[in-house]
N, C-alpha and C. Protein backbone atom coordinates (compact mmCIF):
# COMPACT_ATOMS: atom_id res chain seq x y z
N MET A 1 12.41 101.71 -10.63
CA MET A 1 12.06 101.25 -11.96
C MET A 1 10.79 100.39 -11.87
N ASN A 2 9.84 100.62 -12.79
CA ASN A 2 8.62 99.82 -12.76
C ASN A 2 8.82 98.49 -13.49
N LEU A 3 7.86 97.61 -13.34
CA LEU A 3 7.98 96.27 -13.91
C LEU A 3 8.10 96.30 -15.43
N TYR A 4 7.39 97.22 -16.06
CA TYR A 4 7.45 97.31 -17.51
C TYR A 4 8.85 97.70 -17.99
N GLU A 5 9.45 98.68 -17.34
CA GLU A 5 10.82 99.08 -17.70
C GLU A 5 11.80 97.93 -17.45
N GLU A 6 11.61 97.20 -16.36
CA GLU A 6 12.45 96.04 -16.09
C GLU A 6 12.30 95.00 -17.21
N TYR A 7 11.07 94.81 -17.66
CA TYR A 7 10.82 93.85 -18.73
C TYR A 7 11.52 94.29 -20.02
N LEU A 8 11.45 95.58 -20.35
CA LEU A 8 12.13 96.09 -21.54
C LEU A 8 13.64 95.89 -21.44
N ASN A 9 14.20 96.15 -20.26
CA ASN A 9 15.64 95.94 -20.05
C ASN A 9 16.01 94.47 -20.19
N GLU A 10 15.16 93.61 -19.67
CA GLU A 10 15.41 92.17 -19.79
C GLU A 10 15.38 91.73 -21.26
N ILE A 11 14.47 92.32 -22.03
CA ILE A 11 14.40 92.00 -23.46
C ILE A 11 15.71 92.38 -24.15
N LYS A 12 16.22 93.57 -23.84
CA LYS A 12 17.49 94.02 -24.44
C LYS A 12 18.63 93.08 -24.07
N THR A 13 18.69 92.68 -22.82
CA THR A 13 19.74 91.75 -22.36
C THR A 13 19.62 90.42 -23.09
N ARG A 14 18.42 89.91 -23.22
CA ARG A 14 18.21 88.63 -23.88
C ARG A 14 18.53 88.72 -25.38
N GLU A 15 18.21 89.87 -26.00
CA GLU A 15 18.54 90.04 -27.42
C GLU A 15 20.04 89.92 -27.65
N LYS A 16 20.83 90.50 -26.75
CA LYS A 16 22.29 90.42 -26.87
C LYS A 16 22.78 88.98 -26.78
N GLN A 17 22.00 88.14 -26.12
CA GLN A 17 22.34 86.72 -25.97
C GLN A 17 21.72 85.87 -27.08
N GLY A 18 21.03 86.53 -28.01
CA GLY A 18 20.38 85.81 -29.10
C GLY A 18 19.07 85.16 -28.70
N LEU A 19 18.48 85.64 -27.61
CA LEU A 19 17.24 85.06 -27.10
C LEU A 19 16.07 86.02 -27.33
N SER A 20 14.90 85.47 -27.49
CA SER A 20 13.71 86.31 -27.61
C SER A 20 13.19 86.67 -26.22
N ALA A 21 12.21 87.53 -26.19
CA ALA A 21 11.63 87.97 -24.91
C ALA A 21 11.01 86.80 -24.17
N LYS A 22 11.12 86.82 -22.85
CA LYS A 22 10.46 85.80 -22.03
C LYS A 22 8.95 86.03 -22.08
N PRO A 23 8.18 84.96 -22.04
CA PRO A 23 6.73 85.12 -21.95
C PRO A 23 6.35 85.81 -20.64
N ILE A 24 5.23 86.46 -20.66
CA ILE A 24 4.75 87.19 -19.48
C ILE A 24 3.79 86.29 -18.71
N ASP A 25 4.13 86.01 -17.45
CA ASP A 25 3.24 85.23 -16.60
C ASP A 25 2.88 85.98 -15.32
N ASP A 26 3.54 87.09 -15.08
CA ASP A 26 3.33 87.88 -13.86
C ASP A 26 2.11 88.80 -14.02
N GLY A 27 1.18 88.70 -13.10
CA GLY A 27 -0.04 89.50 -13.16
C GLY A 27 0.20 90.99 -13.01
N ASP A 28 1.17 91.37 -12.18
CA ASP A 28 1.46 92.79 -11.99
C ASP A 28 2.05 93.41 -13.26
N LEU A 29 2.93 92.68 -13.93
CA LEU A 29 3.48 93.17 -15.20
C LEU A 29 2.37 93.27 -16.24
N ALA A 30 1.52 92.27 -16.30
CA ALA A 30 0.40 92.30 -17.25
C ALA A 30 -0.51 93.49 -16.97
N ALA A 31 -0.74 93.80 -15.70
CA ALA A 31 -1.58 94.95 -15.35
C ALA A 31 -0.95 96.25 -15.83
N GLU A 32 0.37 96.39 -15.71
CA GLU A 32 1.06 97.59 -16.20
C GLU A 32 0.93 97.68 -17.72
N ILE A 33 1.10 96.57 -18.39
CA ILE A 33 0.99 96.54 -19.85
C ILE A 33 -0.43 96.93 -20.27
N ILE A 34 -1.42 96.39 -19.59
CA ILE A 34 -2.81 96.71 -19.91
C ILE A 34 -3.09 98.19 -19.68
N ALA A 35 -2.52 98.78 -18.64
CA ALA A 35 -2.69 100.22 -18.40
C ALA A 35 -2.15 101.02 -19.58
N HIS A 36 -1.01 100.60 -20.13
CA HIS A 36 -0.45 101.28 -21.31
C HIS A 36 -1.35 101.07 -22.53
N VAL A 37 -1.93 99.89 -22.66
CA VAL A 37 -2.82 99.59 -23.78
C VAL A 37 -4.06 100.46 -23.72
N LYS A 38 -4.59 100.66 -22.53
CA LYS A 38 -5.81 101.46 -22.36
C LYS A 38 -5.58 102.94 -22.68
N ASP A 39 -4.35 103.40 -22.58
CA ASP A 39 -4.01 104.80 -22.83
C ASP A 39 -3.44 104.93 -24.24
N ALA A 40 -4.29 105.29 -25.19
CA ALA A 40 -3.87 105.38 -26.59
C ALA A 40 -2.77 106.40 -26.81
N ASN A 41 -2.62 107.35 -25.92
CA ASN A 41 -1.60 108.39 -26.05
C ASN A 41 -0.27 108.00 -25.40
N ASN A 42 -0.24 106.87 -24.73
CA ASN A 42 0.99 106.44 -24.06
C ASN A 42 2.04 106.05 -25.10
N LYS A 43 3.27 106.46 -24.88
CA LYS A 43 4.33 106.17 -25.86
C LYS A 43 4.60 104.68 -26.02
N HIS A 44 4.18 103.87 -25.06
CA HIS A 44 4.39 102.42 -25.12
C HIS A 44 3.14 101.67 -25.61
N HIS A 45 2.11 102.42 -25.97
CA HIS A 45 0.82 101.81 -26.32
C HIS A 45 0.95 100.69 -27.36
N ASP A 46 1.51 101.02 -28.52
CA ASP A 46 1.58 100.03 -29.61
C ASP A 46 2.39 98.79 -29.23
N GLN A 47 3.52 99.02 -28.59
CA GLN A 47 4.36 97.90 -28.17
C GLN A 47 3.63 97.04 -27.13
N CYS A 48 2.90 97.68 -26.25
CA CYS A 48 2.18 96.94 -25.21
C CYS A 48 1.03 96.13 -25.79
N VAL A 49 0.38 96.64 -26.84
CA VAL A 49 -0.65 95.85 -27.51
C VAL A 49 -0.02 94.55 -28.03
N GLU A 50 1.14 94.68 -28.65
CA GLU A 50 1.85 93.50 -29.17
C GLU A 50 2.23 92.54 -28.03
N PHE A 51 2.76 93.09 -26.94
CA PHE A 51 3.13 92.24 -25.80
C PHE A 51 1.90 91.53 -25.24
N LEU A 52 0.79 92.24 -25.12
CA LEU A 52 -0.43 91.64 -24.58
C LEU A 52 -0.91 90.49 -25.47
N ILE A 53 -0.89 90.72 -26.76
CA ILE A 53 -1.39 89.71 -27.69
C ILE A 53 -0.45 88.50 -27.78
N PHE A 54 0.84 88.77 -27.90
CA PHE A 54 1.78 87.69 -28.23
C PHE A 54 2.64 87.17 -27.09
N ASN A 55 2.82 87.93 -26.01
CA ASN A 55 3.77 87.52 -24.98
C ASN A 55 3.14 87.01 -23.69
N VAL A 56 1.86 87.28 -23.47
CA VAL A 56 1.21 86.80 -22.25
C VAL A 56 0.93 85.31 -22.40
N LEU A 57 1.44 84.53 -21.45
CA LEU A 57 1.24 83.08 -21.48
C LEU A 57 -0.24 82.73 -21.37
N PRO A 58 -0.69 81.77 -22.17
CA PRO A 58 -2.06 81.29 -22.01
C PRO A 58 -2.15 80.39 -20.79
N GLY A 59 -3.34 79.94 -20.49
CA GLY A 59 -3.50 79.00 -19.38
C GLY A 59 -3.96 79.68 -18.12
N THR A 60 -3.38 79.27 -17.01
CA THR A 60 -3.89 79.70 -15.71
C THR A 60 -2.93 80.64 -14.97
N THR A 61 -2.08 81.34 -15.69
CA THR A 61 -1.17 82.28 -15.03
C THR A 61 -1.93 83.51 -14.56
N LYS A 62 -1.34 84.24 -13.64
CA LYS A 62 -1.96 85.49 -13.17
C LYS A 62 -2.04 86.50 -14.31
N ALA A 63 -1.07 86.47 -15.22
CA ALA A 63 -1.10 87.36 -16.38
C ALA A 63 -2.28 87.00 -17.30
N ALA A 64 -2.53 85.71 -17.48
CA ALA A 64 -3.66 85.27 -18.30
C ALA A 64 -4.97 85.73 -17.69
N ASP A 65 -5.05 85.72 -16.38
CA ASP A 65 -6.25 86.20 -15.69
C ASP A 65 -6.49 87.67 -16.00
N LYS A 66 -5.44 88.48 -15.91
CA LYS A 66 -5.55 89.92 -16.20
C LYS A 66 -5.94 90.14 -17.66
N LYS A 67 -5.32 89.37 -18.56
CA LYS A 67 -5.61 89.51 -19.98
C LYS A 67 -7.07 89.15 -20.27
N ALA A 68 -7.55 88.05 -19.72
CA ALA A 68 -8.93 87.62 -19.95
C ALA A 68 -9.92 88.66 -19.44
N GLU A 69 -9.69 89.20 -18.26
CA GLU A 69 -10.59 90.22 -17.71
C GLU A 69 -10.57 91.48 -18.57
N PHE A 70 -9.39 91.86 -19.06
CA PHE A 70 -9.29 93.02 -19.94
C PHE A 70 -10.07 92.78 -21.23
N LEU A 71 -9.91 91.60 -21.82
CA LEU A 71 -10.62 91.29 -23.06
C LEU A 71 -12.13 91.31 -22.85
N LYS A 72 -12.57 90.89 -21.69
CA LYS A 72 -14.00 90.97 -21.36
C LYS A 72 -14.45 92.43 -21.34
N GLN A 73 -13.63 93.32 -20.79
CA GLN A 73 -13.97 94.75 -20.78
C GLN A 73 -14.10 95.28 -22.21
N VAL A 74 -13.23 94.83 -23.10
CA VAL A 74 -13.30 95.25 -24.50
C VAL A 74 -14.60 94.74 -25.12
N ILE A 75 -14.92 93.48 -24.91
CA ILE A 75 -16.13 92.89 -25.48
C ILE A 75 -17.38 93.56 -24.93
N ASP A 76 -17.40 93.82 -23.64
CA ASP A 76 -18.56 94.47 -23.02
C ASP A 76 -18.70 95.94 -23.41
N GLY A 77 -17.65 96.51 -24.02
CA GLY A 77 -17.68 97.92 -24.39
C GLY A 77 -17.26 98.85 -23.28
N ASP A 78 -16.76 98.28 -22.19
CA ASP A 78 -16.31 99.11 -21.06
C ASP A 78 -14.95 99.74 -21.33
N CYS A 79 -14.24 99.22 -22.32
CA CYS A 79 -12.92 99.72 -22.67
C CYS A 79 -12.79 99.68 -24.19
N ARG A 80 -12.31 100.75 -24.76
CA ARG A 80 -12.13 100.80 -26.21
C ARG A 80 -10.65 100.89 -26.55
N VAL A 81 -10.22 99.99 -27.40
CA VAL A 81 -8.84 99.98 -27.89
C VAL A 81 -8.92 99.78 -29.40
N ASP A 82 -8.42 100.75 -30.16
CA ASP A 82 -8.54 100.69 -31.62
C ASP A 82 -8.00 99.39 -32.21
N LYS A 83 -6.94 98.89 -31.66
CA LYS A 83 -6.28 97.72 -32.24
C LYS A 83 -6.85 96.38 -31.76
N ILE A 84 -7.78 96.44 -30.81
CA ILE A 84 -8.41 95.20 -30.33
C ILE A 84 -9.92 95.41 -30.34
N THR A 85 -10.55 94.96 -31.41
CA THR A 85 -12.00 95.04 -31.52
C THR A 85 -12.64 93.94 -30.67
N SER A 86 -13.93 93.99 -30.56
CA SER A 86 -14.65 92.95 -29.82
C SER A 86 -14.42 91.58 -30.47
N ASP A 87 -14.49 91.52 -31.80
CA ASP A 87 -14.26 90.25 -32.49
C ASP A 87 -12.83 89.75 -32.27
N ARG A 88 -11.88 90.66 -32.29
CA ARG A 88 -10.48 90.28 -32.04
C ARG A 88 -10.32 89.77 -30.61
N ALA A 89 -11.03 90.41 -29.67
CA ALA A 89 -10.96 89.97 -28.27
C ALA A 89 -11.49 88.54 -28.13
N PHE A 90 -12.57 88.21 -28.83
CA PHE A 90 -13.07 86.83 -28.81
C PHE A 90 -12.03 85.87 -29.38
N GLU A 91 -11.39 86.28 -30.47
CA GLU A 91 -10.35 85.45 -31.08
C GLU A 91 -9.20 85.22 -30.10
N LEU A 92 -8.78 86.27 -29.42
CA LEU A 92 -7.69 86.14 -28.45
C LEU A 92 -8.09 85.23 -27.29
N LEU A 93 -9.33 85.34 -26.82
CA LEU A 93 -9.81 84.45 -25.76
C LEU A 93 -9.78 82.99 -26.23
N SER A 94 -10.07 82.77 -27.49
CA SER A 94 -10.13 81.40 -28.01
C SER A 94 -8.76 80.72 -28.00
N HIS A 95 -7.70 81.50 -27.98
CA HIS A 95 -6.34 80.94 -28.01
C HIS A 95 -5.72 80.81 -26.62
N MET A 96 -6.47 81.12 -25.58
CA MET A 96 -5.88 81.17 -24.24
C MET A 96 -5.87 79.83 -23.51
N LYS A 97 -6.39 78.79 -24.11
CA LYS A 97 -6.25 77.42 -23.60
C LYS A 97 -6.93 77.16 -22.26
N GLY A 98 -8.05 77.79 -22.01
CA GLY A 98 -8.78 77.50 -20.78
C GLY A 98 -8.42 78.41 -19.63
N GLY A 99 -8.73 77.95 -18.43
CA GLY A 99 -8.44 78.76 -17.25
C GLY A 99 -9.32 79.99 -17.19
N PRO A 100 -8.72 81.16 -16.97
CA PRO A 100 -9.50 82.38 -16.80
C PRO A 100 -10.30 82.76 -18.05
N SER A 101 -9.85 82.35 -19.22
CA SER A 101 -10.62 82.67 -20.43
C SER A 101 -11.97 81.95 -20.43
N ILE A 102 -12.02 80.76 -19.87
CA ILE A 102 -13.27 80.00 -19.80
C ILE A 102 -14.27 80.72 -18.91
N LYS A 103 -13.81 81.21 -17.76
CA LYS A 103 -14.70 81.96 -16.87
C LYS A 103 -15.30 83.16 -17.59
N VAL A 104 -14.46 83.89 -18.31
CA VAL A 104 -14.93 85.07 -19.05
C VAL A 104 -15.91 84.65 -20.13
N LEU A 105 -15.60 83.60 -20.87
CA LEU A 105 -16.50 83.14 -21.93
C LEU A 105 -17.84 82.67 -21.38
N ILE A 106 -17.82 81.99 -20.25
CA ILE A 106 -19.09 81.56 -19.63
C ILE A 106 -19.87 82.79 -19.16
N ASP A 107 -19.19 83.76 -18.54
CA ASP A 107 -19.87 85.00 -18.15
C ASP A 107 -20.56 85.63 -19.35
N LEU A 108 -19.87 85.70 -20.46
CA LEU A 108 -20.43 86.32 -21.67
C LEU A 108 -21.55 85.46 -22.25
N ALA A 109 -21.38 84.14 -22.25
CA ALA A 109 -22.41 83.25 -22.80
C ALA A 109 -23.70 83.32 -21.99
N LEU A 110 -23.57 83.54 -20.70
CA LEU A 110 -24.75 83.61 -19.84
C LEU A 110 -25.23 85.04 -19.63
N GLY A 111 -24.57 85.99 -20.28
CA GLY A 111 -24.89 87.40 -20.09
C GLY A 111 -26.11 87.85 -20.88
N ALA A 112 -26.47 89.10 -20.69
CA ALA A 112 -27.68 89.67 -21.28
C ALA A 112 -27.49 90.09 -22.74
N GLN A 113 -26.26 90.31 -23.17
CA GLN A 113 -26.03 90.76 -24.55
C GLN A 113 -26.02 89.55 -25.48
N LYS A 114 -27.12 89.40 -26.24
CA LYS A 114 -27.33 88.20 -27.06
C LYS A 114 -26.20 87.96 -28.06
N ASP A 115 -25.76 89.00 -28.77
CA ASP A 115 -24.69 88.81 -29.76
C ASP A 115 -23.42 88.27 -29.11
N ASN A 116 -23.07 88.84 -27.96
CA ASN A 116 -21.88 88.37 -27.24
C ASN A 116 -22.07 86.95 -26.73
N ALA A 117 -23.28 86.63 -26.28
CA ALA A 117 -23.57 85.29 -25.77
C ALA A 117 -23.38 84.25 -26.87
N ILE A 118 -23.86 84.56 -28.06
CA ILE A 118 -23.73 83.63 -29.19
C ILE A 118 -22.26 83.45 -29.56
N LYS A 119 -21.52 84.55 -29.65
CA LYS A 119 -20.09 84.46 -29.99
C LYS A 119 -19.32 83.68 -28.92
N ALA A 120 -19.63 83.94 -27.65
CA ALA A 120 -18.95 83.24 -26.57
C ALA A 120 -19.25 81.74 -26.62
N ALA A 121 -20.50 81.39 -26.90
CA ALA A 121 -20.87 79.98 -26.99
C ALA A 121 -20.12 79.30 -28.13
N GLU A 122 -19.96 80.00 -29.25
CA GLU A 122 -19.21 79.44 -30.38
C GLU A 122 -17.76 79.17 -29.99
N VAL A 123 -17.15 80.10 -29.28
CA VAL A 123 -15.76 79.90 -28.85
C VAL A 123 -15.69 78.76 -27.83
N LEU A 124 -16.63 78.72 -26.90
CA LEU A 124 -16.62 77.67 -25.88
C LEU A 124 -16.68 76.28 -26.50
N LYS A 125 -17.39 76.15 -27.61
CA LYS A 125 -17.49 74.84 -28.27
C LYS A 125 -16.15 74.34 -28.78
N THR A 126 -15.19 75.24 -28.93
CA THR A 126 -13.87 74.84 -29.43
C THR A 126 -12.87 74.57 -28.32
N GLN A 127 -13.25 74.83 -27.09
CA GLN A 127 -12.32 74.72 -25.97
C GLN A 127 -12.36 73.30 -25.39
N VAL A 128 -11.21 72.77 -25.09
CA VAL A 128 -11.14 71.42 -24.53
C VAL A 128 -10.69 71.43 -23.08
N PHE A 129 -10.29 72.56 -22.57
CA PHE A 129 -9.78 72.64 -21.21
C PHE A 129 -10.84 73.20 -20.26
N LEU A 130 -11.93 72.46 -20.10
CA LEU A 130 -12.97 72.86 -19.17
C LEU A 130 -12.78 72.09 -17.87
N TYR A 131 -12.83 72.80 -16.78
CA TYR A 131 -12.72 72.16 -15.47
C TYR A 131 -14.12 71.78 -14.98
N GLU A 132 -14.17 70.93 -13.98
CA GLU A 132 -15.45 70.49 -13.43
C GLU A 132 -16.28 71.68 -12.97
N ALA A 133 -15.64 72.67 -12.36
CA ALA A 133 -16.37 73.86 -11.91
C ALA A 133 -17.00 74.59 -13.09
N ASP A 134 -16.34 74.58 -14.25
CA ASP A 134 -16.90 75.22 -15.44
C ASP A 134 -18.14 74.49 -15.92
N THR A 135 -18.04 73.17 -16.02
CA THR A 135 -19.20 72.40 -16.49
C THR A 135 -20.33 72.44 -15.47
N ASP A 136 -20.00 72.44 -14.18
CA ASP A 136 -21.04 72.56 -13.15
C ASP A 136 -21.79 73.87 -13.29
N ARG A 137 -21.07 74.92 -13.58
CA ARG A 137 -21.70 76.24 -13.75
C ARG A 137 -22.64 76.24 -14.95
N LEU A 138 -22.23 75.60 -16.04
CA LEU A 138 -23.08 75.52 -17.23
C LEU A 138 -24.32 74.66 -16.97
N ILE A 139 -24.14 73.55 -16.28
CA ILE A 139 -25.27 72.68 -15.94
C ILE A 139 -26.28 73.43 -15.08
N GLN A 140 -25.79 74.15 -14.08
CA GLN A 140 -26.68 74.91 -13.19
C GLN A 140 -27.43 75.99 -13.97
N ALA A 141 -26.75 76.68 -14.86
CA ALA A 141 -27.40 77.71 -15.67
C ALA A 141 -28.47 77.09 -16.56
N TYR A 142 -28.19 75.91 -17.10
CA TYR A 142 -29.17 75.21 -17.93
C TYR A 142 -30.41 74.84 -17.10
N LYS A 143 -30.19 74.34 -15.90
CA LYS A 143 -31.30 73.96 -15.02
C LYS A 143 -32.11 75.18 -14.59
N ASP A 144 -31.44 76.30 -14.38
CA ASP A 144 -32.12 77.51 -13.93
C ASP A 144 -32.97 78.15 -15.02
N ASN A 145 -32.65 77.88 -16.26
CA ASN A 145 -33.40 78.50 -17.37
C ASN A 145 -34.27 77.49 -17.99
């Protein structure tokens, strides 16, 4: 049984106990969910979009890392998902509370695509969870330009 099927079974068990689904913090499970999201013809596609948006824990979990990298692919145009536009991907990054989302936003802010850089900078201005390494990277980029 794969991790996604195990997660679905766990949801059913928890429902019987009157509990909602556990948040997703495991990177391998998030990777399986993202694979289903990328495949529009997959029977789990729609449900996985919902799980990706609402069940992946924000912050510095391995699942958040996978989610942030996936959202960057959507923004860069490397991956197309009807239900997650580039603007929606920026919105989702803005709710991730720092960690891997900050790295992605800085990558986009310092990137060559001007529209994405402006949007990323706008989101970064709303983030309060910047680590010293993040601010050091921004200072160095400022000095280099």
